[in-house]
Amino acid sequence: MRTHAPKPSAAAALALALALALSGTGASQAQACLDKRQIQEAVATGEIMSLDAVLAGAGVDPSADILNVQVCDQGGRLVYVIGVLSADGQAQNLVLSAQ
């Protein structure tokens, strides 16, 4: 008798794929990203917009699940790199201006 491993849900599979994709963005990008404290300070001082403001400005569905957020230097400008899982199960990486 053969047994089969349980299949992961589509949402879990997409989340895993997204996490792997984000982790493979390269060491140089990881070094140029802000940590959580730096992000909070940059928002507080007005250097960058809040995540909510950036998502609203980009028209991202408020019911979408945010899987991962980074703020990174991309060519001299700060951008949000956001992993999003929409209500219909579509995962995507968004790169949105933080300024």
Protein backbone atom coordinates (compact mmCIF):
# COMPACT_ATOMS: atom_id res chain seq x y z
CA MET A 1 0.00 0.00 0.00
CA ARG A 2 1.30 3.45 -0.94
CA THR A 3 0.82 6.48 1.21
CA HIS A 4 0.94 10.01 -0.06
CA ALA A 5 2.11 13.05 1.81
CA PRO A 6 -0.68 15.56 2.40
CA LYS A 7 -0.79 18.36 -0.16
CA PRO A 8 -0.29 21.86 1.22
CA SER A 9 -3.06 24.35 0.68
CA ALA A 10 -2.69 26.70 -2.26
CA ALA A 11 -2.28 29.68 0.04
CA ALA A 12 0.47 27.95 2.04
CA ALA A 13 2.25 26.92 -1.14
CA LEU A 14 2.08 30.46 -2.52
CA ALA A 15 3.30 31.92 0.76
CA LEU A 16 6.24 29.52 0.76
CA ALA A 17 7.08 30.35 -2.85
CA LEU A 18 6.91 34.06 -2.09
CA ALA A 19 9.14 33.69 0.98
CA LEU A 20 11.69 31.77 -1.07
CA ALA A 21 11.57 34.38 -3.83
CA LEU A 22 12.10 37.22 -1.36
CA SER A 23 14.97 35.39 0.33
CA GLY A 24 16.68 34.99 -3.03
CA THR A 25 16.86 38.71 -3.77
CA GLY A 26 20.60 38.74 -3.15
CA ALA A 27 22.99 39.65 -0.38
CA SER A 28 23.62 43.15 -1.71
CA GLN A 29 19.95 44.07 -1.40
CA ALA A 30 19.70 42.57 2.09
CA GLN A 31 22.61 44.74 3.25
CA ALA A 32 20.94 47.88 1.91
CA CYS A 33 17.66 47.35 3.77
CA LEU A 34 16.57 49.13 6.93
CA ASP A 35 15.82 47.24 10.13
CA LYS A 36 12.48 47.68 11.92
CA ARG A 37 13.77 50.44 14.20
CA GLN A 38 15.19 52.38 11.25
CA ILE A 39 11.89 52.05 9.38
CA GLN A 40 9.97 53.39 12.40
CA GLU A 41 12.38 56.33 12.72
CA ALA A 42 12.17 57.10 8.99
CA VAL A 43 8.35 57.15 9.14
CA ALA A 44 8.38 59.26 12.35
CA THR A 45 10.70 61.87 10.83
CA GLY A 46 8.82 61.96 7.52
CA GLU A 47 11.73 60.56 5.52
CA ILE A 48 9.39 57.85 4.19
CA MET A 49 5.62 57.37 4.11
CA SER A 50 3.90 54.83 6.33
CA LEU A 51 3.16 51.40 4.91
CA ASP A 52 -0.59 52.09 5.10
CA ALA A 53 -0.20 55.30 3.07
CA VAL A 54 1.93 53.57 0.43
CA LEU A 55 -0.50 50.66 0.10
CA ALA A 56 -3.51 52.97 -0.12
CA GLY A 57 -1.77 55.14 -2.72
CA ALA A 58 -1.00 52.06 -4.81
CA GLY A 59 -4.60 50.85 -4.63
CA VAL A 60 -3.75 47.61 -2.82
CA ASP A 61 -6.88 45.83 -1.58
CA PRO A 62 -7.12 46.41 2.20
CA SER A 63 -8.17 42.77 2.69
CA ALA A 64 -4.90 41.47 1.18
CA ASP A 65 -2.58 39.66 3.58
CA ILE A 66 0.84 41.28 3.95
CA LEU A 67 3.41 38.50 4.13
CA ASN A 68 6.67 40.41 4.28
CA VAL A 69 7.78 44.05 4.34
CA GLN A 70 11.21 45.53 3.82
CA VAL A 71 12.42 49.05 3.12
CA CYS A 72 15.51 48.99 0.94
CA ASP A 73 17.75 51.38 -0.94
CA GLN A 74 17.22 50.80 -4.65
CA GLY A 75 19.44 52.98 -6.79
CA GLY A 76 19.61 55.77 -4.23
CA ARG A 77 15.91 55.84 -3.39
CA LEU A 78 14.06 54.05 -0.63
CA VAL A 79 11.38 51.56 -1.66
CA TYR A 80 9.03 49.22 0.13
CA VAL A 81 9.43 45.59 -0.96
CA ILE A 82 6.15 43.98 0.04
CA GLY A 83 4.97 40.38 -0.25
CA VAL A 84 1.18 40.38 -0.66
CA LEU A 85 -1.34 37.52 -0.74
CA SER A 86 -4.67 38.69 -2.16
CA ALA A 87 -8.07 37.37 -1.10
CA ASP A 88 -8.19 35.17 -4.21
CA GLY A 89 -4.87 33.49 -3.28
CA GLN A 90 -2.61 35.35 -5.70
CA ALA A 91 0.84 36.09 -4.26
CA GLN A 92 2.96 38.89 -5.62
CA ASN A 93 5.93 41.05 -4.77
CA LEU A 94 5.33 44.78 -4.88
CA VAL A 95 8.11 47.35 -5.07
CA LEU A 96 6.66 50.75 -4.19
CA SER A 97 8.33 54.09 -3.59
CA ALA A 98 8.61 54.85 0.13
CA GLN A 99 9.13 58.59 -0.41
